[in-house]
Amino acid sequence: MSENAPRCDWALNSAIETAYHDTEWGVPKRDEHSLFEFLILEGAQAGLSWRTILAKRDHFRTAFDGFDAERMARYDDADRARLMADAGIVRNRLKIDAAIGNARAYLELRATVGGLSPFLWDFVDGRPLVNHWQHMAEVPAQTALSDRISKALKQRGFRFVGSTIVYAYLQATGLVNDHLVGCFRHAPLCAGTPPAPR
């Protein structure tokens, strides 16, 4: 895509954000691994820029065993110490503990309802919600939907899943299409949206 193609404003901040915006952000994700990885990364991002997380993402994948939830759920104090000493990730004890706890909560969710994909997509009747924002100032930081999902995740033992984090997660994983209508990605993602269930 041309460098001059119209994009959401935030995608113009850096090359890594442009690439992420053009290829990943807002693309509907239904595979469990991607949804779990993004959940952990969005929690790590709290209070930081997403650019920081993107720059560290490959190292996160290495440090957290490829975001293998079963392995993460077995992490012990030695693993916590290893992660706290790893400058390649966000070294925050609360976030590291939450990632481990979220792996355990995820395994329980998978055992009871099949995983994040059926759990999340049920909130939007199986299809992305498409917004038609003209300007970035219109895009909300949280919504009634993210409030409901945040509450449901917390009830299932997840942490670092406040409504603002959850809304960013919904945007990233394509449950919500928040590309501006003038962005070159908005229409193609709308075209891939299945019809409403009857």
Protein backbone atom coordinates (compact mmCIF):
# COMPACT_ATOMS: atom_id res chain seq x y z
CA MET A 1 0.00 0.00 0.00
CA SER A 2 1.23 3.47 -0.82
CA GLU A 3 2.77 5.51 1.96
CA ASN A 4 0.30 8.22 1.01
CA ALA A 5 -2.81 6.07 1.48
CA PRO A 6 -5.24 7.61 3.97
CA ARG A 7 -4.86 6.03 7.39
CA CYS A 8 -6.08 6.45 10.94
CA ASP A 9 -4.08 9.26 12.53
CA TRP A 10 -2.29 7.10 15.10
CA ALA A 11 -0.86 4.87 12.37
CA LEU A 12 1.32 7.73 11.16
CA ASN A 13 3.37 7.95 14.35
CA SER A 14 5.98 5.34 13.45
CA ALA A 15 6.82 2.68 10.89
CA ILE A 16 6.02 -0.14 13.32
CA GLU A 17 2.57 1.32 14.00
CA THR A 18 1.91 1.84 10.29
CA ALA A 19 2.74 -1.78 9.52
CA TYR A 20 0.59 -3.01 12.41
CA HIS A 21 -2.32 -0.80 11.37
CA ASP A 22 -2.12 -1.89 7.74
CA THR A 23 -1.97 -5.63 8.36
CA GLU A 24 -3.33 -6.53 11.81
CA TRP A 25 -5.38 -3.90 13.64
CA GLY A 26 -9.09 -4.49 13.31
CA VAL A 27 -8.79 -7.75 11.40
CA PRO A 28 -11.31 -10.18 12.96
CA LYS A 29 -9.45 -12.82 14.94
CA ARG A 30 -11.11 -16.04 15.94
CA ASP A 31 -8.18 -18.35 16.65
CA GLU A 32 -7.55 -18.98 20.32
CA HIS A 33 -3.82 -18.38 20.26
CA SER A 34 -4.09 -14.89 18.76
CA LEU A 35 -6.89 -13.90 21.10
CA PHE A 36 -4.96 -15.08 24.15
CA GLU A 37 -1.74 -13.37 23.04
CA PHE A 38 -3.50 -10.07 22.46
CA LEU A 39 -5.21 -10.29 25.84
CA ILE A 40 -1.86 -10.64 27.59
CA LEU A 41 -0.24 -7.89 25.52
CA GLU A 42 -3.10 -5.45 26.08
CA GLY A 43 -2.74 -6.00 29.81
CA ALA A 44 0.99 -5.36 29.58
CA GLN A 45 0.30 -2.16 27.67
CA ALA A 46 -1.70 -0.54 30.49
CA GLY A 47 -0.18 2.89 31.17
CA LEU A 48 2.25 2.57 28.27
CA SER A 49 2.10 3.19 24.53
CA TRP A 50 1.11 0.39 22.15
CA ARG A 51 4.24 1.25 20.17
CA THR A 52 6.29 0.11 23.17
CA ILE A 53 4.50 -3.24 23.24
CA LEU A 54 4.86 -3.73 19.48
CA ALA A 55 8.60 -3.13 19.77
CA LYS A 56 8.83 -5.74 22.53
CA ARG A 57 6.30 -8.22 21.12
CA ASP A 58 8.79 -10.73 19.72
CA HIS A 59 10.66 -10.74 23.00
CA PHE A 60 7.40 -11.18 24.90
CA ARG A 61 6.71 -14.24 22.78
CA THR A 62 10.07 -15.73 23.68
CA ALA A 63 9.85 -14.87 27.37
CA PHE A 64 6.33 -16.28 27.70
CA ASP A 65 6.97 -19.53 25.78
CA GLY A 66 5.12 -18.40 22.69
CA PHE A 67 2.09 -17.50 24.82
CA ASP A 68 1.44 -21.17 25.46
CA ALA A 69 -1.27 -20.87 28.11
CA GLU A 70 -0.68 -24.35 29.53
CA ARG A 71 3.02 -23.65 30.09
CA MET A 72 2.34 -20.17 31.45
CA ALA A 73 -0.22 -21.53 33.90
CA ARG A 74 2.54 -23.66 35.46
CA TYR A 75 4.94 -20.76 36.01
CA ASP A 76 6.39 -20.67 39.52
CA ASP A 77 8.47 -18.24 41.56
CA ALA A 78 11.57 -19.00 39.50
CA ASP A 79 9.70 -18.04 36.35
CA ARG A 80 8.49 -14.85 37.98
CA ALA A 81 12.06 -13.97 38.91
CA ARG A 82 13.23 -14.76 35.38
CA LEU A 83 10.58 -12.49 33.89
CA MET A 84 11.27 -9.67 36.34
CA ALA A 85 14.92 -9.77 35.29
CA ASP A 86 14.11 -9.69 31.56
CA ALA A 87 14.61 -6.17 30.20
CA GLY A 88 13.02 -7.22 26.90
CA ILE A 89 9.51 -7.19 28.38
CA VAL A 90 7.56 -4.88 30.68
CA ARG A 91 9.00 -5.69 34.09
CA ASN A 92 6.03 -5.03 36.31
CA ARG A 93 5.29 -7.62 38.97
CA LEU A 94 1.55 -7.01 38.96
CA LYS A 95 1.39 -7.43 35.18
CA ILE A 96 3.55 -10.55 35.24
CA ASP A 97 1.41 -12.09 37.99
CA ALA A 98 -1.70 -11.14 36.02
CA ALA A 99 -0.36 -12.81 32.88
CA ILE A 100 0.19 -16.04 34.79
CA GLY A 101 -3.18 -15.81 36.48
CA ASN A 102 -4.85 -15.01 33.17
CA ALA A 103 -3.35 -18.13 31.63
CA ARG A 104 -4.99 -20.16 34.39
CA ALA A 105 -8.29 -18.29 33.98
CA TYR A 106 -8.09 -18.85 30.24
CA LEU A 107 -7.66 -22.60 30.65
CA GLU A 108 -10.74 -22.67 32.87
CA LEU A 109 -12.66 -20.60 30.32
CA ARG A 110 -11.59 -22.98 27.56
CA ALA A 111 -12.72 -25.96 29.59
CA THR A 112 -16.14 -24.45 30.31
CA VAL A 113 -17.16 -22.49 27.19
CA GLY A 114 -14.58 -23.50 24.58
CA GLY A 115 -12.25 -20.52 24.81
CA LEU A 116 -12.02 -16.81 24.17
CA SER A 117 -13.39 -17.02 20.65
CA PRO A 118 -16.86 -18.35 21.49
CA PHE A 119 -16.92 -16.30 24.69
CA LEU A 120 -16.10 -12.96 23.04
CA TRP A 121 -17.86 -13.33 19.70
CA ASP A 122 -21.09 -14.24 21.47
CA PHE A 123 -21.20 -10.66 22.80
CA VAL A 124 -21.43 -9.31 19.22
CA ASP A 125 -23.61 -12.08 17.74
CA GLY A 126 -20.67 -13.51 15.84
CA ARG A 127 -19.94 -10.51 13.64
CA PRO A 128 -17.79 -7.37 14.06
CA LEU A 129 -19.40 -4.15 15.12
CA VAL A 130 -18.69 -1.57 12.43
CA ASN A 131 -18.38 2.06 13.44
CA HIS A 132 -18.27 5.01 11.07
CA TRP A 133 -16.07 7.54 12.79
CA GLN A 134 -14.88 10.54 10.79
CA HIS A 135 -12.27 11.78 13.27
CA MET A 136 -10.12 10.18 15.96
CA ALA A 137 -11.70 12.43 18.58
CA GLU A 138 -14.96 10.56 18.04
CA VAL A 139 -13.49 7.13 18.87
CA PRO A 140 -14.40 6.16 22.45
CA ALA A 141 -11.98 4.80 25.03
CA GLN A 142 -14.61 2.43 26.37
CA THR A 143 -18.23 1.53 25.69
CA ALA A 144 -21.13 -0.30 27.26
CA LEU A 145 -19.93 -3.38 25.40
CA SER A 146 -16.43 -3.19 26.84
CA ASP A 147 -17.97 -2.59 30.28
CA ARG A 148 -19.95 -5.83 29.98
CA ILE A 149 -17.04 -7.88 28.69
CA SER A 150 -14.69 -6.45 31.33
CA LYS A 151 -17.14 -7.41 34.07
CA ALA A 152 -17.57 -10.91 32.64
CA LEU A 153 -13.82 -11.47 32.38
CA LYS A 154 -13.24 -10.26 35.92
CA GLN A 155 -15.93 -12.61 37.17
CA ARG A 156 -13.98 -15.44 35.56
CA GLY A 157 -10.77 -14.47 37.33
CA PHE A 158 -9.00 -12.38 34.69
CA ARG A 159 -7.00 -9.32 35.73
CA PHE A 160 -5.84 -6.19 33.90
CA VAL A 161 -9.08 -6.33 31.95
CA GLY A 162 -10.63 -2.98 32.81
CA SER A 163 -13.08 -1.52 30.33
CA THR A 164 -10.52 0.70 28.58
CA ILE A 165 -8.08 -2.21 28.15
CA VAL A 166 -10.91 -4.41 26.90
CA TYR A 167 -12.05 -1.84 24.35
CA ALA A 168 -8.52 -1.56 22.95
CA TYR A 169 -8.51 -5.36 22.82
CA LEU A 170 -11.81 -5.44 20.89
CA GLN A 171 -10.42 -2.92 18.40
CA ALA A 172 -7.19 -4.84 17.96
CA THR A 173 -8.85 -8.22 17.47
CA GLY A 174 -11.50 -6.95 15.09
CA LEU A 175 -14.60 -7.49 17.18
CA VAL A 176 -14.99 -3.75 16.61
CA ASN A 177 -14.00 -2.00 13.38
CA ASP A 178 -12.83 1.42 14.51
CA HIS A 179 -10.86 2.39 11.42
CA LEU A 180 -11.94 5.86 10.39
CA VAL A 181 -14.24 5.84 7.36
CA GLY A 182 -11.59 7.70 5.39
CA CYS A 183 -8.94 5.08 6.18
CA PHE A 184 -8.11 2.70 3.37
CA ARG A 185 -8.66 -0.26 5.74
CA HIS A 186 -12.25 0.55 6.74
CA ALA A 187 -14.09 -0.57 3.63
CA PRO A 188 -12.18 -3.83 3.02
CA LEU A 189 -12.81 -4.92 6.61
CA CYS A 190 -16.48 -4.03 6.23
CA ALA A 191 -16.60 -6.13 3.07
CA GLY A 192 -15.36 -9.11 5.05
CA THR A 193 -18.05 -8.71 7.71
CA PRO A 194 -20.63 -11.52 7.59
CA PRO A 195 -24.30 -10.59 7.47
CA ALA A 196 -26.28 -10.28 10.65
CA PRO A 197 -27.76 -13.53 11.90
CA ARG A 198 -31.47 -13.99 11.16
